[in-house]
Amino acid sequence: MITAEMKELHRSIGVLRHHILTLKSHYGDVDAVRRMTNDLDRLEIDLHDFEHAPPPVVRAVVSKDEVVYVPDSKSDEAAWLGAQDEGLGFHSRERTK
């Protein structure tokens, strides 16, 4: 199954390949151009593999009615030992090293 996103990826790869060939004709077969060509080839292979064996679709189940309980009790101070007071404009205790 090829989705619109995959079609757009194929089109983008074609555009990138055109631009890399333009660079190659302008600068020659230099290392940077060879690396970009290799990266683009790898991207094309990965897209082909993805199309022919896609991973399972992940659908996050988010409920607007889901409530996260945050207790009003004082939190454990030990969890913050050694943390910096960055962004507060002051240090309420000695700085940690």
PDB file of N, CA and C in Angstrom:
ATOM      1  N   MET A   1       0.839  -1.176   0.000  1.00  0.00           N
ATOM      2  CA  MET A   1       0.000   0.000   0.000  1.00  0.00           C
ATOM      3  C   MET A   1       0.887   1.243   0.000  1.00  0.00           C
ATOM      4  N   ILE A   2       0.702   2.095  -0.995  1.00  0.00           N
ATOM      5  CA  ILE A   2       1.476   3.330  -1.075  1.00  0.00           C
ATOM      6  C   ILE A   2       0.561   4.486  -0.715  1.00  0.00           C
ATOM      7  N   THR A   3       0.910   5.181   0.339  1.00  0.00           N
ATOM      8  CA  THR A   3       0.114   6.312   0.784  1.00  0.00           C
ATOM      9  C   THR A   3       0.599   7.579   0.101  1.00  0.00           C
ATOM     10  N   ALA A   4      -0.133   8.644   0.316  1.00  0.00           N
ATOM     11  CA  ALA A   4       0.252   9.944  -0.245  1.00  0.00           C
ATOM     12  C   ALA A   4       1.610  10.375   0.300  1.00  0.00           C
ATOM     13  N   GLU A   5       1.876  10.044   1.557  1.00  0.00           N
ATOM     14  CA  GLU A   5       3.156  10.409   2.149  1.00  0.00           C
ATOM     15  C   GLU A   5       4.304   9.681   1.466  1.00  0.00           C
ATOM     16  N   MET A   6       4.100   8.421   1.154  1.00  0.00           N
ATOM     17  CA  MET A   6       5.150   7.648   0.488  1.00  0.00           C
ATOM     18  C   MET A   6       5.373   8.143  -0.936  1.00  0.00           C
ATOM     19  N   LYS A   7       4.289   8.499  -1.627  1.00  0.00           N
ATOM     20  CA  LYS A   7       4.429   9.074  -2.964  1.00  0.00           C
ATOM     21  C   LYS A   7       5.232  10.373  -2.898  1.00  0.00           C
ATOM     22  N   GLU A   8       4.953  11.168  -1.883  1.00  0.00           N
ATOM     23  CA  GLU A   8       5.683  12.428  -1.709  1.00  0.00           C
ATOM     24  C   GLU A   8       7.149  12.163  -1.392  1.00  0.00           C
ATOM     25  N   LEU A   9       7.436  11.130  -0.622  1.00  0.00           N
ATOM     26  CA  LEU A   9       8.824  10.757  -0.344  1.00  0.00           C
ATOM     27  C   LEU A   9       9.548  10.343  -1.625  1.00  0.00           C
ATOM     28  N   HIS A  10       8.881   9.565  -2.462  1.00  0.00           N
ATOM     29  CA  HIS A  10       9.484   9.164  -3.740  1.00  0.00           C
ATOM     30  C   HIS A  10       9.782  10.399  -4.593  1.00  0.00           C
ATOM     31  N   ARG A  11       8.847  11.333  -4.628  1.00  0.00           N
ATOM     32  CA  ARG A  11       9.047  12.553  -5.391  1.00  0.00           C
ATOM     33  C   ARG A  11      10.222  13.359  -4.827  1.00  0.00           C
ATOM     34  N   SER A  12      10.274  13.455  -3.500  1.00  0.00           N
ATOM     35  CA  SER A  12      11.361  14.206  -2.857  1.00  0.00           C
ATOM     36  C   SER A  12      12.722  13.560  -3.121  1.00  0.00           C
ATOM     37  N   ILE A  13      12.769  12.247  -3.111  1.00  0.00           N
ATOM     38  CA  ILE A  13      14.017  11.540  -3.412  1.00  0.00           C
ATOM     39  C   ILE A  13      14.453  11.847  -4.839  1.00  0.00           C
ATOM     40  N   GLY A  14      13.496  11.873  -5.757  1.00  0.00           N
ATOM     41  CA  GLY A  14      13.819  12.218  -7.137  1.00  0.00           C
ATOM     42  C   GLY A  14      14.375  13.622  -7.269  1.00  0.00           C
ATOM     43  N   VAL A  15      13.777  14.562  -6.541  1.00  0.00           N
ATOM     44  CA  VAL A  15      14.262  15.951  -6.560  1.00  0.00           C
ATOM     45  C   VAL A  15      15.661  16.028  -5.961  1.00  0.00           C
ATOM     46  N   LEU A  16      15.870  15.348  -4.835  1.00  0.00           N
ATOM     47  CA  LEU A  16      17.193  15.339  -4.209  1.00  0.00           C
ATOM     48  C   LEU A  16      18.239  14.721  -5.134  1.00  0.00           C
ATOM     49  N   ARG A  17      17.862  13.635  -5.804  1.00  0.00           N
ATOM     50  CA  ARG A  17      18.805  12.987  -6.727  1.00  0.00           C
ATOM     51  C   ARG A  17      19.196  13.954  -7.845  1.00  0.00           C
ATOM     52  N   HIS A  18      18.230  14.706  -8.355  1.00  0.00           N
ATOM     53  CA  HIS A  18      18.514  15.702  -9.391  1.00  0.00           C
ATOM     54  C   HIS A  18      19.515  16.749  -8.879  1.00  0.00           C
ATOM     55  N   HIS A  19      19.299  17.241  -7.667  1.00  0.00           N
ATOM     56  CA  HIS A  19      20.180  18.268  -7.097  1.00  0.00           C
ATOM     57  C   HIS A  19      21.575  17.718  -6.805  1.00  0.00           C
ATOM     58  N   ILE A  20      21.643  16.476  -6.365  1.00  0.00           N
ATOM     59  CA  ILE A  20      22.954  15.872  -6.108  1.00  0.00           C
ATOM     60  C   ILE A  20      23.708  15.676  -7.423  1.00  0.00           C
ATOM     61  N   LEU A  21      23.003  15.279  -8.468  1.00  0.00           N
ATOM     62  CA  LEU A  21      23.659  15.155  -9.779  1.00  0.00           C
ATOM     63  C   LEU A  21      24.150  16.514 -10.274  1.00  0.00           C
ATOM     64  N   THR A  22      23.405  17.576  -9.986  1.00  0.00           N
ATOM     65  CA  THR A  22      23.849  18.926 -10.334  1.00  0.00           C
ATOM     66  C   THR A  22      25.119  19.275  -9.575  1.00  0.00           C
ATOM     67  N   LEU A  23      25.164  18.939  -8.281  1.00  0.00           N
ATOM     68  CA  LEU A  23      26.377  19.175  -7.491  1.00  0.00           C
ATOM     69  C   LEU A  23      27.557  18.390  -8.059  1.00  0.00           C
ATOM     70  N   LYS A  24      27.280  17.144  -8.433  1.00  0.00           N
ATOM     71  CA  LYS A  24      28.345  16.295  -8.974  1.00  0.00           C
ATOM     72  C   LYS A  24      28.892  16.867 -10.280  1.00  0.00           C
ATOM     73  N   SER A  25      28.016  17.390 -11.118  1.00  0.00           N
ATOM     74  CA  SER A  25      28.491  17.964 -12.381  1.00  0.00           C
ATOM     75  C   SER A  25      29.262  19.257 -12.151  1.00  0.00           C
ATOM     76  N   HIS A  26      28.942  19.962 -11.066  1.00  0.00           N
ATOM     77  CA  HIS A  26      29.612  21.228 -10.765  1.00  0.00           C
ATOM     78  C   HIS A  26      30.932  21.028 -10.011  1.00  0.00           C
ATOM     79  N   TYR A  27      30.929  20.107  -9.019  1.00  0.00           N
ATOM     80  CA  TYR A  27      32.097  19.919  -8.152  1.00  0.00           C
ATOM     81  C   TYR A  27      32.880  18.643  -8.441  1.00  0.00           C
ATOM     82  N   GLY A  28      32.335  17.774  -9.266  1.00  0.00           N
ATOM     83  CA  GLY A  28      33.025  16.523  -9.550  1.00  0.00           C
ATOM     84  C   GLY A  28      32.667  15.453  -8.536  1.00  0.00           C
ATOM     85  N   ASP A  29      33.397  14.352  -8.611  1.00  0.00           N
ATOM     86  CA  ASP A  29      33.134  13.198  -7.752  1.00  0.00           C
ATOM     87  C   ASP A  29      33.910  13.325  -6.442  1.00  0.00           C
ATOM     88  N   VAL A  30      33.549  14.327  -5.634  1.00  0.00           N
ATOM     89  CA  VAL A  30      34.229  14.562  -4.358  1.00  0.00           C
ATOM     90  C   VAL A  30      33.565  13.724  -3.264  1.00  0.00           C
ATOM     91  N   ASP A  31      34.274  13.597  -2.141  1.00  0.00           N
ATOM     92  CA  ASP A  31      33.782  12.754  -1.039  1.00  0.00           C
ATOM     93  C   ASP A  31      32.389  13.158  -0.565  1.00  0.00           C
ATOM     94  N   ALA A  32      32.162  14.458  -0.398  1.00  0.00           N
ATOM     95  CA  ALA A  32      30.873  14.920   0.134  1.00  0.00           C
ATOM     96  C   ALA A  32      29.724  14.526  -0.792  1.00  0.00           C
ATOM     97  N   VAL A  33      29.927  14.647  -2.092  1.00  0.00           N
ATOM     98  CA  VAL A  33      28.879  14.285  -3.049  1.00  0.00           C
ATOM     99  C   VAL A  33      28.652  12.774  -3.032  1.00  0.00           C
ATOM    100  N   ARG A  34      29.718  11.998  -2.918  1.00  0.00           N
ATOM    101  CA  ARG A  34      29.565  10.537  -2.837  1.00  0.00           C
ATOM    102  C   ARG A  34      28.802  10.137  -1.576  1.00  0.00           C
ATOM    103  N   ARG A  35      29.096  10.820  -0.462  1.00  0.00           N
ATOM    104  CA  ARG A  35      28.374  10.502   0.783  1.00  0.00           C
ATOM    105  C   ARG A  35      26.892  10.845   0.654  1.00  0.00           C
ATOM    106  N   MET A  36      26.586  11.994   0.055  1.00  0.00           N
ATOM    107  CA  MET A  36      25.179  12.364  -0.133  1.00  0.00           C
ATOM    108  C   MET A  36      24.475  11.361  -1.045  1.00  0.00           C
ATOM    109  N   THR A  37      25.152  10.921  -2.090  1.00  0.00           N
ATOM    110  CA  THR A  37      24.577   9.918  -2.987  1.00  0.00           C
ATOM    111  C   THR A  37      24.331   8.620  -2.242  1.00  0.00           C
ATOM    112  N   ASN A  38      25.285   8.211  -1.422  1.00  0.00           N
ATOM    113  CA  ASN A  38      25.137   6.999  -0.616  1.00  0.00           C
ATOM    114  C   ASN A  38      23.975   7.138   0.363  1.00  0.00           C
ATOM    115  N   ASP A  39      23.870   8.297   1.023  1.00  0.00           N
ATOM    116  CA  ASP A  39      22.763   8.520   1.958  1.00  0.00           C
ATOM    117  C   ASP A  39      21.416   8.458   1.242  1.00  0.00           C
ATOM    118  N   LEU A  40      21.361   9.043   0.058  1.00  0.00           N
ATOM    119  CA  LEU A  40      20.119   9.034  -0.700  1.00  0.00           C
ATOM    120  C   LEU A  40      19.767   7.616  -1.159  1.00  0.00           C
ATOM    121  N   ASP A  41      20.767   6.858  -1.587  1.00  0.00           N
ATOM    122  CA  ASP A  41      20.532   5.459  -1.962  1.00  0.00           C
ATOM    123  C   ASP A  41      19.985   4.675  -0.775  1.00  0.00           C
ATOM    124  N   ARG A  42      20.568   4.898   0.394  1.00  0.00           N
ATOM    125  CA  ARG A  42      20.123   4.208   1.611  1.00  0.00           C
ATOM    126  C   ARG A  42      18.683   4.585   1.949  1.00  0.00           C
ATOM    127  N   LEU A  43      18.360   5.860   1.796  1.00  0.00           N
ATOM    128  CA  LEU A  43      16.995   6.323   2.059  1.00  0.00           C
ATOM    129  C   LEU A  43      16.005   5.650   1.111  1.00  0.00           C
ATOM    130  N   GLU A  44      16.391   5.524  -0.136  1.00  0.00           N
ATOM    131  CA  GLU A  44      15.532   4.877  -1.126  1.00  0.00           C
ATOM    132  C   GLU A  44      15.326   3.396  -0.795  1.00  0.00           C
ATOM    133  N   ILE A  45      16.391   2.727  -0.374  1.00  0.00           N
ATOM    134  CA  ILE A  45      16.295   1.318   0.024  1.00  0.00           C
ATOM    135  C   ILE A  45      15.387   1.165   1.242  1.00  0.00           C
ATOM    136  N   ASP A  46      15.568   2.058   2.222  1.00  0.00           N
ATOM    137  CA  ASP A  46      14.740   1.994   3.428  1.00  0.00           C
ATOM    138  C   ASP A  46      13.265   2.229   3.110  1.00  0.00           C
ATOM    139  N   LEU A  47      12.988   3.169   2.216  1.00  0.00           N
ATOM    140  CA  LEU A  47      11.606   3.428   1.832  1.00  0.00           C
ATOM    141  C   LEU A  47      11.017   2.213   1.121  1.00  0.00           C
ATOM    142  N   HIS A  48      11.782   1.594   0.257  1.00  0.00           N
ATOM    143  CA  HIS A  48      11.322   0.382  -0.438  1.00  0.00           C
ATOM    144  C   HIS A  48      11.017  -0.727   0.569  1.00  0.00           C
ATOM    145  N   ASP A  49      11.936  -0.933   1.523  1.00  0.00           N
ATOM    146  CA  ASP A  49      11.711  -1.953   2.552  1.00  0.00           C
ATOM    147  C   ASP A  49      10.466  -1.632   3.377  1.00  0.00           C
ATOM    148  N   PHE A  50      10.295  -0.369   3.708  1.00  0.00           N
ATOM    149  CA  PHE A  50       9.144   0.055   4.507  1.00  0.00           C
ATOM    150  C   PHE A  50       7.838  -0.206   3.764  1.00  0.00           C
ATOM    151  N   GLU A  51       7.837   0.070   2.458  1.00  0.00           N
ATOM    152  CA  GLU A  51       6.622  -0.139   1.666  1.00  0.00           C
ATOM    153  C   GLU A  51       6.253  -1.614   1.551  1.00  0.00           C
ATOM    154  N   HIS A  52       7.251  -2.478   1.464  1.00  0.00           N
ATOM    155  CA  HIS A  52       6.972  -3.896   1.254  1.00  0.00           C
ATOM    156  C   HIS A  52       6.819  -4.698   2.542  1.00  0.00           C
ATOM    157  N   ALA A  53       7.240  -4.133   3.653  1.00  0.00           N
ATOM    158  CA  ALA A  53       7.042  -4.788   4.950  1.00  0.00           C
ATOM    159  C   ALA A  53       6.832  -3.714   6.016  1.00  0.00           C
ATOM    160  N   PRO A  54       5.693  -3.019   5.949  1.00  0.00           N
ATOM    161  CA  PRO A  54       5.478  -1.929   6.906  1.00  0.00           C
ATOM    162  C   PRO A  54       5.310  -2.453   8.330  1.00  0.00           C
ATOM    163  N   PRO A  55       5.797  -1.683   9.285  1.00  0.00           N
ATOM    164  CA  PRO A  55       5.596  -2.071  10.687  1.00  0.00           C
ATOM    165  C   PRO A  55       4.128  -1.859  11.061  1.00  0.00           C
ATOM    166  N   PRO A  56       3.703  -2.438  12.158  1.00  0.00           N
ATOM    167  CA  PRO A  56       2.314  -2.242  12.575  1.00  0.00           C
ATOM    168  C   PRO A  56       2.057  -0.768  12.889  1.00  0.00           C
ATOM    169  N   VAL A  57       0.863  -0.333  12.561  1.00  0.00           N
ATOM    170  CA  VAL A  57       0.477   1.057  12.803  1.00  0.00           C
ATOM    171  C   VAL A  57       0.257   1.258  14.291  1.00  0.00           C
ATOM    172  N   VAL A  58       0.823   2.326  14.808  1.00  0.00           N
ATOM    173  CA  VAL A  58       0.676   2.654  16.226  1.00  0.00           C
ATOM    174  C   VAL A  58      -0.376   3.750  16.351  1.00  0.00           C
ATOM    175  N   ARG A  59      -1.382   3.449  17.072  1.00  0.00           N
ATOM    176  CA  ARG A  59      -2.435   4.438  17.288  1.00  0.00           C
ATOM    177  C   ARG A  59      -2.496   4.730  18.780  1.00  0.00           C
ATOM    178  N   ALA A  60      -2.156   5.956  19.108  1.00  0.00           N
ATOM    179  CA  ALA A  60      -2.197   6.355  20.513  1.00  0.00           C
ATOM    180  C   ALA A  60      -3.650   6.568  20.926  1.00  0.00           C
ATOM    181  N   VAL A  61      -4.018   5.919  21.992  1.00  0.00           N
ATOM    182  CA  VAL A  61      -5.372   6.062  22.501  1.00  0.00           C
ATOM    183  C   VAL A  61      -5.334   7.149  23.568  1.00  0.00           C
ATOM    184  N   VAL A  62      -5.863   8.294  23.196  1.00  0.00           N
ATOM    185  CA  VAL A  62      -5.889   9.426  24.120  1.00  0.00           C
ATOM    186  C   VAL A  62      -7.336   9.812  24.332  1.00  0.00           C
ATOM    187  N   SER A  63      -7.719   9.782  25.563  1.00  0.00           N
ATOM    188  CA  SER A  63      -9.080  10.152  25.910  1.00  0.00           C
ATOM    189  C   SER A  63      -9.083  11.554  26.485  1.00  0.00           C
ATOM    190  N   LYS A  64      -9.969  12.391  25.973  1.00  0.00           N
ATOM    191  CA  LYS A  64     -10.070  13.752  26.504  1.00  0.00           C
ATOM    192  C   LYS A  64     -10.625  13.746  27.916  1.00  0.00           C
ATOM    193  N   ASP A  65     -11.299  12.665  28.277  1.00  0.00           N
ATOM    194  CA  ASP A  65     -11.892  12.569  29.606  1.00  0.00           C
ATOM    195  C   ASP A  65     -10.924  11.994  30.634  1.00  0.00           C
ATOM    196  N   GLU A  66      -9.737  11.593  30.180  1.00  0.00           N
ATOM    197  CA  GLU A  66      -8.774  11.004  31.094  1.00  0.00           C
ATOM    198  C   GLU A  66      -8.249  12.062  32.057  1.00  0.00           C
ATOM    199  N   VAL A  67      -8.295  11.752  33.318  1.00  0.00           N
ATOM    200  CA  VAL A  67      -7.863  12.680  34.356  1.00  0.00           C
ATOM    201  C   VAL A  67      -6.578  12.158  34.981  1.00  0.00           C
ATOM    202  N   VAL A  68      -5.603  13.033  35.089  1.00  0.00           N
ATOM    203  CA  VAL A  68      -4.357  12.673  35.757  1.00  0.00           C
ATOM    204  C   VAL A  68      -4.408  13.264  37.156  1.00  0.00           C
ATOM    205  N   TYR A  69      -4.306  12.414  38.147  1.00  0.00           N
ATOM    206  CA  TYR A  69      -4.374  12.848  39.531  1.00  0.00           C
ATOM    207  C   TYR A  69      -3.012  13.341  39.986  1.00  0.00           C
ATOM    208  N   VAL A  70      -2.968  14.565  40.493  1.00  0.00           N
ATOM    209  CA  VAL A  70      -1.748  15.140  41.058  1.00  0.00           C
ATOM    210  C   VAL A  70      -2.048  15.418  42.522  1.00  0.00           C
ATOM    211  N   PRO A  71      -1.367  14.704  43.420  1.00  0.00           N
ATOM    212  CA  PRO A  71      -1.677  14.871  44.847  1.00  0.00           C
ATOM    213  C   PRO A  71      -1.255  16.255  45.357  1.00  0.00           C
ATOM    214  N   ASP A  72      -1.987  16.740  46.353  1.00  0.00           N
ATOM    215  CA  ASP A  72      -1.673  18.025  46.975  1.00  0.00           C
ATOM    216  C   ASP A  72      -0.612  17.896  48.052  1.00  0.00           C
ATOM    217  N   SER A  73      -0.268  16.677  48.417  1.00  0.00           N
ATOM    218  CA  SER A  73       0.705  16.475  49.486  1.00  0.00           C
ATOM    219  C   SER A  73       2.088  16.929  49.046  1.00  0.00           C
ATOM    220  N   LYS A  74       2.917  17.223  50.009  1.00  0.00           N
ATOM    221  CA  LYS A  74       4.277  17.696  49.732  1.00  0.00           C
ATOM    222  C   LYS A  74       5.071  16.554  49.084  1.00  0.00           C
ATOM    223  N   SER A  75       5.838  16.891  48.050  1.00  0.00           N
ATOM    224  CA  SER A  75       6.617  15.861  47.350  1.00  0.00           C
ATOM    225  C   SER A  75       7.871  15.518  48.153  1.00  0.00           C
ATOM    226  N   ASP A  76       8.468  14.419  47.806  1.00  0.00           N
ATOM    227  CA  ASP A  76       9.666  13.956  48.486  1.00  0.00           C
ATOM    228  C   ASP A  76      10.844  14.864  48.118  1.00  0.00           C
ATOM    229  N   GLU A  77      11.369  15.588  49.095  1.00  0.00           N
ATOM    230  CA  GLU A  77      12.480  16.521  48.879  1.00  0.00           C
ATOM    231  C   GLU A  77      13.745  15.801  48.416  1.00  0.00           C
ATOM    232  N   ALA A  78      13.918  14.534  48.806  1.00  0.00           N
ATOM    233  CA  ALA A  78      15.124  13.795  48.439  1.00  0.00           C
ATOM    234  C   ALA A  78      15.232  13.620  46.926  1.00  0.00           C
ATOM    235  N   ALA A  79      14.118  13.644  46.236  1.00  0.00           N
ATOM    236  CA  ALA A  79      14.142  13.490  44.788  1.00  0.00           C
ATOM    237  C   ALA A  79      14.829  14.667  44.104  1.00  0.00           C
ATOM    238  N   TRP A  80      14.889  15.812  44.788  1.00  0.00           N
ATOM    239  CA  TRP A  80      15.455  17.017  44.189  1.00  0.00           C
ATOM    240  C   TRP A  80      16.855  17.335  44.691  1.00  0.00           C
ATOM    241  N   LEU A  81      17.406  16.504  45.571  1.00  0.00           N
ATOM    242  CA  LEU A  81      18.756  16.768  46.070  1.00  0.00           C
ATOM    243  C   LEU A  81      19.749  16.705  44.923  1.00  0.00           C
ATOM    244  N   GLY A  82      20.602  17.702  44.831  1.00  0.00           N
ATOM    245  CA  GLY A  82      21.604  17.729  43.780  1.00  0.00           C
ATOM    246  C   GLY A  82      21.143  18.436  42.520  1.00  0.00           C
ATOM    247  N   ALA A  83      19.871  18.813  42.466  1.00  0.00           N
ATOM    248  CA  ALA A  83      19.375  19.518  41.285  1.00  0.00           C
ATOM    249  C   ALA A  83      19.703  21.001  41.392  1.00  0.00           C
ATOM    250  N   GLN A  84      19.986  21.618  40.275  1.00  0.00           N
ATOM    251  CA  GLN A  84      20.277  23.046  40.246  1.00  0.00           C
ATOM    252  C   GLN A  84      18.963  23.834  40.217  1.00  0.00           C
ATOM    253  N   ASP A  85      19.030  25.067  40.694  1.00  0.00           N
ATOM    254  CA  ASP A  85      17.864  25.952  40.660  1.00  0.00           C
ATOM    255  C   ASP A  85      17.932  26.839  39.422  1.00  0.00           C
ATOM    256  N   GLU A  86      18.203  26.249  38.287  1.00  0.00           N
ATOM    257  CA  GLU A  86      18.353  27.024  37.065  1.00  0.00           C
ATOM    258  C   GLU A  86      17.047  27.706  36.696  1.00  0.00           C
ATOM    259  N   GLY A  87      17.176  28.919  36.227  1.00  0.00           N
ATOM    260  CA  GLY A  87      16.028  29.653  35.747  1.00  0.00           C
ATOM    261  C   GLY A  87      15.252  30.360  36.824  1.00  0.00           C
ATOM    262  N   LEU A  88      15.603  30.169  38.087  1.00  0.00           N
ATOM    263  CA  LEU A  88      14.883  30.824  39.174  1.00  0.00           C
ATOM    264  C   LEU A  88      15.500  32.171  39.550  1.00  0.00           C
ATOM    265  N   GLY A  89      16.714  32.424  39.116  1.00  0.00           N
ATOM    266  CA  GLY A  89      17.350  33.692  39.408  1.00  0.00           C
ATOM    267  C   GLY A  89      18.066  33.722  40.746  1.00  0.00           C
ATOM    268  N   PHE A  90      17.992  32.654  41.495  1.00  0.00           N
ATOM    269  CA  PHE A  90      18.687  32.567  42.772  1.00  0.00           C
ATOM    270  C   PHE A  90      18.948  31.101  43.078  1.00  0.00           C
ATOM    271  N   HIS A  91      19.766  30.873  44.063  1.00  0.00           N
ATOM    272  CA  HIS A  91      20.033  29.513  44.517  1.00  0.00           C
ATOM    273  C   HIS A  91      19.614  29.437  45.979  1.00  0.00           C
ATOM    274  N   SER A  92      18.688  28.563  46.271  1.00  0.00           N
ATOM    275  CA  SER A  92      18.178  28.458  47.625  1.00  0.00           C
ATOM    276  C   SER A  92      19.087  27.626  48.516  1.00  0.00           C
ATOM    277  N   ARG A  93      20.068  26.958  47.901  1.00  0.00           N
ATOM    278  CA  ARG A  93      21.017  26.171  48.685  1.00  0.00           C
ATOM    279  C   ARG A  93      22.342  26.183  47.944  1.00  0.00           C
ATOM    280  N   GLU A  94      23.350  25.611  48.549  1.00  0.00           N
ATOM    281  CA  GLU A  94      24.657  25.572  47.903  1.00  0.00           C
ATOM    282  C   GLU A  94      24.563  24.836  46.584  1.00  0.00           C
ATOM    283  N   ARG A  95      25.335  25.284  45.624  1.00  0.00           N
ATOM    284  CA  ARG A  95      25.354  24.614  44.321  1.00  0.00           C
ATOM    285  C   ARG A  95      26.011  23.256  44.420  1.00  0.00           C
ATOM    286  N   THR A  96      25.515  22.333  43.626  1.00  0.00           N
ATOM    287  CA  THR A  96      26.137  21.019  43.577  1.00  0.00           C
ATOM    288  C   THR A  96      27.263  21.065  42.567  1.00  0.00           C
ATOM    289  N   LYS A  97      28.190  20.151  42.699  1.00  0.00           N
ATOM    290  CA  LYS A  97      29.324  20.143  41.775  1.00  0.00           C
ATOM    291  C   LYS A  97      29.121  19.144  40.685  1.00  0.00           C
TER     292      LYS A  97
END
